Amino acid sequence: MNEPMLKKAMDTLEFLSQDTATRMEYEARMKYLRDEVSRMEGAKAVGMAEGITEGIIREKKEMARKLLAMGNDVDFVVQLTELPEQEVKSLSKEIKPN
């Protein structure tokens, strides 16, 4: 084991064991830091889920554009893509006839 690390650990233990108020402050700070890490990880997970959802919607819209360009009607595209009818109608206006 690395001796400087052991000395640091022993010094920290001695420091914390001397004063109850200091130890409580240390524990409160550690809890705050753990909570902050947890909040950041939660935010990352939410951001990833939102990104995945946006990607799925973008893919559905692209598929709708392709289906509409192939001449499929709006109702058929709505059924396949599960996009709202108004959204598909809006996309159909973007498609130029060949």
N, C-alpha and C. Protein backbone atom coordinates (compact mmCIF):
# COMPACT_ATOMS: atom_id res chain seq x y z
N MET A 1 0.85 -1.20 0.00
CA MET A 1 0.00 0.00 0.00
C MET A 1 0.88 1.24 0.00
N ASN A 2 0.41 2.27 -0.59
CA ASN A 2 1.15 3.51 -0.70
C ASN A 2 1.11 4.24 0.64
N GLU A 3 2.26 4.49 1.27
CA GLU A 3 2.31 5.06 2.61
C GLU A 3 1.80 6.49 2.71
N PRO A 4 2.09 7.38 1.73
CA PRO A 4 1.53 8.74 1.83
C PRO A 4 0.00 8.72 1.83
N MET A 5 -0.60 7.81 1.06
CA MET A 5 -2.06 7.72 1.05
C MET A 5 -2.58 7.26 2.42
N LEU A 6 -1.88 6.31 3.03
CA LEU A 6 -2.28 5.82 4.35
C LEU A 6 -2.16 6.93 5.38
N LYS A 7 -1.08 7.72 5.32
CA LYS A 7 -0.91 8.84 6.25
C LYS A 7 -2.03 9.86 6.08
N LYS A 8 -2.38 10.17 4.83
CA LYS A 8 -3.46 11.13 4.58
C LYS A 8 -4.78 10.61 5.15
N ALA A 9 -5.05 9.33 4.96
CA ALA A 9 -6.27 8.73 5.48
C ALA A 9 -6.29 8.79 7.01
N MET A 10 -5.16 8.50 7.62
CA MET A 10 -5.09 8.54 9.09
C MET A 10 -5.26 9.97 9.60
N ASP A 11 -4.63 10.94 8.93
CA ASP A 11 -4.77 12.35 9.33
C ASP A 11 -6.23 12.79 9.22
N THR A 12 -6.89 12.39 8.13
CA THR A 12 -8.29 12.74 7.94
C THR A 12 -9.16 12.12 9.02
N LEU A 13 -8.91 10.86 9.32
CA LEU A 13 -9.67 10.17 10.36
C LEU A 13 -9.47 10.85 11.71
N GLU A 14 -8.24 11.19 12.02
CA GLU A 14 -7.95 11.86 13.29
C GLU A 14 -8.64 13.22 13.35
N PHE A 15 -8.59 13.97 12.25
CA PHE A 15 -9.21 15.29 12.20
C PHE A 15 -10.71 15.18 12.42
N LEU A 16 -11.33 14.25 11.73
CA LEU A 16 -12.78 14.12 11.82
C LEU A 16 -13.23 13.58 13.16
N SER A 17 -12.45 12.76 13.77
CA SER A 17 -12.86 12.17 15.05
C SER A 17 -12.69 13.14 16.22
N GLN A 18 -11.97 14.24 16.04
CA GLN A 18 -11.73 15.17 17.14
C GLN A 18 -12.93 16.06 17.43
N ASP A 19 -13.67 16.45 16.42
CA ASP A 19 -14.70 17.46 16.61
C ASP A 19 -16.00 16.98 15.98
N THR A 20 -17.03 16.79 16.78
CA THR A 20 -18.32 16.30 16.30
C THR A 20 -18.94 17.28 15.30
N ALA A 21 -18.87 18.55 15.59
CA ALA A 21 -19.47 19.55 14.69
C ALA A 21 -18.77 19.53 13.33
N THR A 22 -17.47 19.41 13.32
CA THR A 22 -16.72 19.37 12.07
C THR A 22 -17.07 18.10 11.29
N ARG A 23 -17.18 17.00 12.00
CA ARG A 23 -17.55 15.74 11.35
C ARG A 23 -18.94 15.85 10.73
N MET A 24 -19.87 16.48 11.44
CA MET A 24 -21.23 16.65 10.90
C MET A 24 -21.21 17.54 9.66
N GLU A 25 -20.40 18.60 9.69
CA GLU A 25 -20.28 19.47 8.53
C GLU A 25 -19.71 18.69 7.34
N TYR A 26 -18.70 17.88 7.61
CA TYR A 26 -18.08 17.06 6.57
C TYR A 26 -19.12 16.10 5.96
N GLU A 27 -19.88 15.44 6.83
CA GLU A 27 -20.90 14.50 6.35
C GLU A 27 -21.98 15.21 5.55
N ALA A 28 -22.38 16.41 5.98
CA ALA A 28 -23.37 17.18 5.24
C ALA A 28 -22.83 17.58 3.87
N ARG A 29 -21.55 17.97 3.83
CA ARG A 29 -20.94 18.33 2.55
C ARG A 29 -20.88 17.13 1.61
N MET A 30 -20.50 15.97 2.14
CA MET A 30 -20.43 14.76 1.33
C MET A 30 -21.81 14.39 0.81
N LYS A 31 -22.84 14.53 1.65
CA LYS A 31 -24.20 14.23 1.20
C LYS A 31 -24.60 15.18 0.07
N TYR A 32 -24.27 16.46 0.23
CA TYR A 32 -24.57 17.44 -0.82
C TYR A 32 -23.89 17.05 -2.13
N LEU A 33 -22.63 16.66 -2.06
CA LEU A 33 -21.89 16.28 -3.27
C LEU A 33 -22.50 15.04 -3.93
N ARG A 34 -22.88 14.06 -3.11
CA ARG A 34 -23.52 12.85 -3.67
C ARG A 34 -24.85 13.20 -4.31
N ASP A 35 -25.63 14.07 -3.65
CA ASP A 35 -26.92 14.50 -4.21
C ASP A 35 -26.72 15.25 -5.53
N GLU A 36 -25.69 16.07 -5.60
CA GLU A 36 -25.40 16.84 -6.82
C GLU A 36 -25.05 15.88 -7.97
N VAL A 37 -24.24 14.87 -7.68
CA VAL A 37 -23.89 13.88 -8.70
C VAL A 37 -25.15 13.16 -9.16
N SER A 38 -26.01 12.81 -8.23
CA SER A 38 -27.25 12.12 -8.56
C SER A 38 -28.14 12.98 -9.45
N ARG A 39 -28.25 14.27 -9.12
CA ARG A 39 -29.06 15.19 -9.94
C ARG A 39 -28.50 15.30 -11.36
N MET A 40 -27.17 15.38 -11.46
CA MET A 40 -26.56 15.51 -12.79
C MET A 40 -26.76 14.23 -13.60
N GLU A 41 -26.64 13.08 -12.97
CA GLU A 41 -26.88 11.83 -13.68
C GLU A 41 -28.33 11.72 -14.13
N GLY A 42 -29.25 12.17 -13.27
CA GLY A 42 -30.66 12.18 -13.63
C GLY A 42 -30.93 13.09 -14.81
N ALA A 43 -30.30 14.25 -14.80
CA ALA A 43 -30.47 15.20 -15.91
C ALA A 43 -29.92 14.62 -17.21
N LYS A 44 -28.79 13.92 -17.12
CA LYS A 44 -28.23 13.28 -18.31
C LYS A 44 -29.20 12.25 -18.87
N ALA A 45 -29.79 11.45 -17.97
CA ALA A 45 -30.72 10.41 -18.41
C ALA A 45 -31.94 11.03 -19.09
N VAL A 46 -32.45 12.11 -18.52
CA VAL A 46 -33.60 12.80 -19.12
C VAL A 46 -33.22 13.36 -20.49
N GLY A 47 -32.04 13.97 -20.57
CA GLY A 47 -31.58 14.53 -21.84
C GLY A 47 -31.41 13.46 -22.90
N MET A 48 -30.89 12.31 -22.50
CA MET A 48 -30.73 11.22 -23.46
C MET A 48 -32.09 10.73 -23.94
N ALA A 49 -33.04 10.59 -23.04
CA ALA A 49 -34.37 10.13 -23.41
C ALA A 49 -35.03 11.12 -24.36
N GLU A 50 -34.87 12.41 -24.08
CA GLU A 50 -35.44 13.43 -24.97
C GLU A 50 -34.78 13.38 -26.35
N GLY A 51 -33.48 13.18 -26.37
CA GLY A 51 -32.77 13.08 -27.64
C GLY A 51 -33.22 11.88 -28.45
N ILE A 52 -33.42 10.77 -27.79
CA ILE A 52 -33.88 9.56 -28.48
C ILE A 52 -35.27 9.79 -29.04
N THR A 53 -36.14 10.40 -28.25
CA THR A 53 -37.50 10.69 -28.70
C THR A 53 -37.49 11.62 -29.91
N GLU A 54 -36.65 12.66 -29.87
CA GLU A 54 -36.55 13.58 -31.00
C GLU A 54 -36.06 12.84 -32.25
N GLY A 55 -35.10 11.94 -32.07
CA GLY A 55 -34.59 11.17 -33.20
C GLY A 55 -35.65 10.27 -33.81
N ILE A 56 -36.46 9.65 -32.97
CA ILE A 56 -37.53 8.79 -33.47
C ILE A 56 -38.55 9.62 -34.26
N ILE A 57 -38.92 10.76 -33.73
CA ILE A 57 -39.87 11.64 -34.43
C ILE A 57 -39.30 12.10 -35.76
N ARG A 58 -38.03 12.47 -35.76
CA ARG A 58 -37.38 12.91 -37.00
C ARG A 58 -37.40 11.79 -38.04
N GLU A 59 -37.14 10.56 -37.63
CA GLU A 59 -37.17 9.41 -38.54
C GLU A 59 -38.59 9.15 -39.07
N LYS A 60 -39.58 9.29 -38.20
CA LYS A 60 -40.97 9.11 -38.63
C LYS A 60 -41.36 10.15 -39.66
N LYS A 61 -40.91 11.39 -39.45
CA LYS A 61 -41.23 12.45 -40.41
C LYS A 61 -40.55 12.18 -41.75
N GLU A 62 -39.31 11.71 -41.70
CA GLU A 62 -38.61 11.39 -42.95
C GLU A 62 -39.31 10.26 -43.69
N MET A 63 -39.75 9.25 -42.94
CA MET A 63 -40.48 8.14 -43.55
C MET A 63 -41.80 8.65 -44.16
N ALA A 64 -42.47 9.54 -43.45
CA ALA A 64 -43.72 10.11 -43.97
C ALA A 64 -43.47 10.86 -45.27
N ARG A 65 -42.40 11.65 -45.31
CA ARG A 65 -42.08 12.38 -46.54
C ARG A 65 -41.86 11.42 -47.71
N LYS A 66 -41.13 10.35 -47.44
CA LYS A 66 -40.86 9.37 -48.50
C LYS A 66 -42.15 8.69 -48.97
N LEU A 67 -42.99 8.31 -48.02
CA LEU A 67 -44.26 7.66 -48.38
C LEU A 67 -45.15 8.60 -49.17
N LEU A 68 -45.20 9.86 -48.74
CA LEU A 68 -46.02 10.84 -49.46
C LEU A 68 -45.46 11.08 -50.87
N ALA A 69 -44.14 11.14 -50.98
CA ALA A 69 -43.52 11.34 -52.29
C ALA A 69 -43.80 10.17 -53.23
N MET A 70 -44.02 8.99 -52.66
CA MET A 70 -44.34 7.81 -53.47
C MET A 70 -45.81 7.80 -53.89
N GLY A 71 -46.58 8.78 -53.40
CA GLY A 71 -47.97 8.90 -53.80
C GLY A 71 -48.97 8.30 -52.83
N ASN A 72 -48.53 7.88 -51.66
CA ASN A 72 -49.46 7.34 -50.66
C ASN A 72 -50.30 8.46 -50.07
N ASP A 73 -51.55 8.12 -49.70
CA ASP A 73 -52.42 9.15 -49.15
C ASP A 73 -52.13 9.39 -47.67
N VAL A 74 -52.61 10.51 -47.18
CA VAL A 74 -52.34 10.96 -45.82
C VAL A 74 -52.78 9.94 -44.78
N ASP A 75 -53.99 9.38 -44.93
CA ASP A 75 -54.49 8.41 -43.94
C ASP A 75 -53.57 7.20 -43.82
N PHE A 76 -53.08 6.70 -44.96
CA PHE A 76 -52.18 5.56 -44.96
C PHE A 76 -50.87 5.90 -44.23
N VAL A 77 -50.33 7.08 -44.50
CA VAL A 77 -49.08 7.51 -43.88
C VAL A 77 -49.27 7.70 -42.37
N VAL A 78 -50.42 8.24 -41.97
CA VAL A 78 -50.72 8.41 -40.55
C VAL A 78 -50.73 7.05 -39.85
N GLN A 79 -51.36 6.06 -40.48
CA GLN A 79 -51.41 4.72 -39.89
C GLN A 79 -50.02 4.12 -39.74
N LEU A 80 -49.18 4.26 -40.75
CA LEU A 80 -47.85 3.65 -40.69
C LEU A 80 -46.90 4.36 -39.73
N THR A 81 -46.90 5.66 -39.76
CA THR A 81 -45.93 6.42 -38.97
C THR A 81 -46.41 6.76 -37.56
N GLU A 82 -47.73 6.71 -37.36
CA GLU A 82 -48.34 7.09 -36.08
C GLU A 82 -48.09 8.56 -35.74
N LEU A 83 -47.82 9.36 -36.77
CA LEU A 83 -47.73 10.80 -36.58
C LEU A 83 -49.13 11.39 -36.58
N PRO A 84 -49.33 12.53 -35.95
CA PRO A 84 -50.64 13.18 -35.99
C PRO A 84 -51.01 13.54 -37.43
N GLU A 85 -52.29 13.44 -37.74
CA GLU A 85 -52.77 13.71 -39.09
C GLU A 85 -52.38 15.11 -39.56
N GLN A 86 -52.50 16.08 -38.68
CA GLN A 86 -52.16 17.46 -39.05
C GLN A 86 -50.69 17.56 -39.44
N GLU A 87 -49.84 16.83 -38.73
CA GLU A 87 -48.40 16.83 -39.05
C GLU A 87 -48.15 16.25 -40.44
N VAL A 88 -48.81 15.15 -40.74
CA VAL A 88 -48.64 14.51 -42.05
C VAL A 88 -49.18 15.41 -43.16
N LYS A 89 -50.30 16.07 -42.90
CA LYS A 89 -50.84 17.00 -43.89
C LYS A 89 -49.86 18.14 -44.14
N SER A 90 -49.24 18.62 -43.08
CA SER A 90 -48.25 19.68 -43.22
C SER A 90 -47.05 19.19 -44.05
N LEU A 91 -46.62 17.96 -43.81
CA LEU A 91 -45.52 17.39 -44.58
C LEU A 91 -45.90 17.20 -46.05
N SER A 92 -47.18 16.85 -46.28
CA SER A 92 -47.60 16.61 -47.66
C SER A 92 -47.56 17.88 -48.48
N LYS A 93 -47.70 19.04 -47.82
CA LYS A 93 -47.63 20.32 -48.53
C LYS A 93 -46.20 20.62 -48.97
N GLU A 94 -45.22 20.03 -48.25
CA GLU A 94 -43.81 20.24 -48.59
C GLU A 94 -43.41 19.43 -49.83
N ILE A 95 -44.13 18.33 -50.08
CA ILE A 95 -43.78 17.43 -51.18
C ILE A 95 -44.23 18.05 -52.49
N LYS A 96 -43.31 18.15 -53.42
CA LYS A 96 -43.65 18.69 -54.74
C LYS A 96 -43.96 17.53 -55.68
N PRO A 97 -45.01 17.65 -56.47
CA PRO A 97 -45.32 16.58 -57.41
C PRO A 97 -44.21 16.43 -58.44
N ASN A 98 -43.99 15.18 -58.85
CA ASN A 98 -42.93 14.89 -59.85
C ASN A 98 -43.31 15.38 -61.21
